[in-house]
Amino acid sequence: MAKGILLLDYLPTRCADCELRNSISIDNTVCHVNMKSINDSEYFGKKPSWCSLRDRDKFIEDIRCRCYEMGLDESQTEIIVSELN
């Protein structure tokens, strides 16, 4: 499956603050990123664990760690990271 990166001006801390959800009705809110229904505790509480929205800096650090685990050297890692910036 192809993957992409979506840049947001801010990272929401709960579904209620996220622009990537649709409130069809009071009892039927859907996340457009994962196409999952959002219950009230997920909507008003902290961001659910299944949410794929992550902080950009943490994402870059995760990529660096994965490159290291794969045995890539520093220059190869920087080429991959530079493509994400």
C-alpha atoms as a PDB file:
ATOM      1  CA  MET A   1       0.000   0.000   0.000  1.00  0.00           C
ATOM      2  CA  ALA A   2       1.318   3.450  -0.882  1.00  0.00           C
ATOM      3  CA  LYS A   3       1.932   5.833   1.987  1.00  0.00           C
ATOM      4  CA  GLY A   4       2.086   9.597   2.204  1.00  0.00           C
ATOM      5  CA  ILE A   5       2.708  12.415   4.632  1.00  0.00           C
ATOM      6  CA  LEU A   6       0.105  15.002   5.548  1.00  0.00           C
ATOM      7  CA  LEU A   7       1.357  18.217   7.183  1.00  0.00           C
ATOM      8  CA  LEU A   8      -0.985  19.987   9.592  1.00  0.00           C
ATOM      9  CA  ASP A   9      -0.440  23.395  11.169  1.00  0.00           C
ATOM     10  CA  TYR A  10      -0.963  21.825  14.578  1.00  0.00           C
ATOM     11  CA  LEU A  11      -1.197  18.326  16.007  1.00  0.00           C
ATOM     12  CA  PRO A  12      -4.567  17.805  17.701  1.00  0.00           C
ATOM     13  CA  THR A  13      -4.531  16.190  21.131  1.00  0.00           C
ATOM     14  CA  ARG A  14      -8.059  14.794  20.824  1.00  0.00           C
ATOM     15  CA  CYS A  15     -10.479  13.897  18.044  1.00  0.00           C
ATOM     16  CA  ALA A  16     -12.784  16.826  18.873  1.00  0.00           C
ATOM     17  CA  ASP A  17     -10.013  19.241  17.787  1.00  0.00           C
ATOM     18  CA  CYS A  18      -9.064  17.352  14.622  1.00  0.00           C
ATOM     19  CA  GLU A  19     -10.092  18.594  11.182  1.00  0.00           C
ATOM     20  CA  LEU A  20      -9.809  15.076   9.754  1.00  0.00           C
ATOM     21  CA  ARG A  21     -13.029  13.805  11.276  1.00  0.00           C
ATOM     22  CA  ASN A  22     -16.608  14.047  10.175  1.00  0.00           C
ATOM     23  CA  SER A  23     -19.547  14.485  12.514  1.00  0.00           C
ATOM     24  CA  ILE A  24     -22.306  12.801  10.547  1.00  0.00           C
ATOM     25  CA  SER A  25     -24.561  12.840  13.576  1.00  0.00           C
ATOM     26  CA  ILE A  26     -24.184  13.027  17.325  1.00  0.00           C
ATOM     27  CA  ASP A  27     -23.771   9.251  17.584  1.00  0.00           C
ATOM     28  CA  ASN A  28     -21.734   8.698  14.407  1.00  0.00           C
ATOM     29  CA  THR A  29     -18.378  10.478  14.159  1.00  0.00           C
ATOM     30  CA  VAL A  30     -15.827   9.019  11.731  1.00  0.00           C
ATOM     31  CA  CYS A  31     -12.053   9.497  11.475  1.00  0.00           C
ATOM     32  CA  HIS A  32     -11.184  10.135   7.818  1.00  0.00           C
ATOM     33  CA  VAL A  33      -7.561   9.036   8.301  1.00  0.00           C
ATOM     34  CA  ASN A  34      -8.352   5.507   9.510  1.00  0.00           C
ATOM     35  CA  MET A  35     -12.048   5.315   8.543  1.00  0.00           C
ATOM     36  CA  LYS A  36     -12.938   4.278  12.095  1.00  0.00           C
ATOM     37  CA  SER A  37     -15.944   5.256  14.132  1.00  0.00           C
ATOM     38  CA  ILE A  38     -15.066   7.452  17.097  1.00  0.00           C
ATOM     39  CA  ASN A  39     -16.856   6.882  20.393  1.00  0.00           C
ATOM     40  CA  ASP A  40     -17.503   9.651  22.937  1.00  0.00           C
ATOM     41  CA  SER A  41     -14.504   8.827  25.145  1.00  0.00           C
ATOM     42  CA  GLU A  42     -12.157   8.951  22.124  1.00  0.00           C
ATOM     43  CA  TYR A  43     -13.827  12.094  20.791  1.00  0.00           C
ATOM     44  CA  PHE A  44     -13.552  14.134  23.993  1.00  0.00           C
ATOM     45  CA  GLY A  45     -10.624  12.353  25.663  1.00  0.00           C
ATOM     46  CA  LYS A  46      -6.974  12.031  24.709  1.00  0.00           C
ATOM     47  CA  LYS A  47      -6.016  11.055  21.168  1.00  0.00           C
ATOM     48  CA  PRO A  48      -6.679   7.297  20.739  1.00  0.00           C
ATOM     49  CA  SER A  49      -3.722   4.916  20.451  1.00  0.00           C
ATOM     50  CA  TRP A  50      -4.845   3.855  16.949  1.00  0.00           C
ATOM     51  CA  CYS A  51      -4.495   7.429  15.615  1.00  0.00           C
ATOM     52  CA  SER A  52      -1.726   7.594  13.014  1.00  0.00           C
ATOM     53  CA  LEU A  53      -1.118  11.360  13.331  1.00  0.00           C
ATOM     54  CA  ARG A  54       2.319  11.889  14.861  1.00  0.00           C
ATOM     55  CA  ASP A  55       4.617  14.767  15.645  1.00  0.00           C
ATOM     56  CA  ARG A  56       6.970  15.411  12.702  1.00  0.00           C
ATOM     57  CA  ASP A  57      10.138  15.515  14.819  1.00  0.00           C
ATOM     58  CA  LYS A  58       9.232  12.224  16.505  1.00  0.00           C
ATOM     59  CA  PHE A  59       8.494  10.713  13.087  1.00  0.00           C
ATOM     60  CA  ILE A  60      11.929  11.760  11.769  1.00  0.00           C
ATOM     61  CA  GLU A  61      13.602  10.303  14.863  1.00  0.00           C
ATOM     62  CA  ASP A  62      11.697   7.016  14.358  1.00  0.00           C
ATOM     63  CA  ILE A  63      12.953   6.899  10.757  1.00  0.00           C
ATOM     64  CA  ARG A  64      16.538   7.458  11.949  1.00  0.00           C
ATOM     65  CA  CYS A  65      16.176   4.582  14.446  1.00  0.00           C
ATOM     66  CA  ARG A  66      14.778   2.260  11.791  1.00  0.00           C
ATOM     67  CA  CYS A  67      17.635   3.117   9.431  1.00  0.00           C
ATOM     68  CA  TYR A  68      20.134   2.320  12.203  1.00  0.00           C
ATOM     69  CA  GLU A  69      18.374  -0.999  12.926  1.00  0.00           C
ATOM     70  CA  MET A  70      18.555  -1.862   9.206  1.00  0.00           C
ATOM     71  CA  GLY A  71      22.316  -1.257   9.236  1.00  0.00           C
ATOM     72  CA  LEU A  72      22.361   1.870   7.080  1.00  0.00           C
ATOM     73  CA  ASP A  73      25.267   4.237   7.627  1.00  0.00           C
ATOM     74  CA  GLU A  74      24.929   7.929   8.526  1.00  0.00           C
ATOM     75  CA  SER A  75      25.118   9.218   4.939  1.00  0.00           C
ATOM     76  CA  GLN A  76      22.413   6.817   3.732  1.00  0.00           C
ATOM     77  CA  THR A  77      20.207   7.798   6.663  1.00  0.00           C
ATOM     78  CA  GLU A  78      20.655  11.519   5.923  1.00  0.00           C
ATOM     79  CA  ILE A  79      19.631  10.976   2.291  1.00  0.00           C
ATOM     80  CA  ILE A  80      16.389   9.307   3.431  1.00  0.00           C
ATOM     81  CA  VAL A  81      15.683  11.967   6.059  1.00  0.00           C
ATOM     82  CA  SER A  82      16.420  14.819   3.634  1.00  0.00           C
ATOM     83  CA  GLU A  83      13.741  13.454   1.297  1.00  0.00           C
ATOM     84  CA  LEU A  84      11.202  13.869   4.133  1.00  0.00           C
ATOM     85  CA  ASN A  85      12.068  17.512   4.832  1.00  0.00           C
END
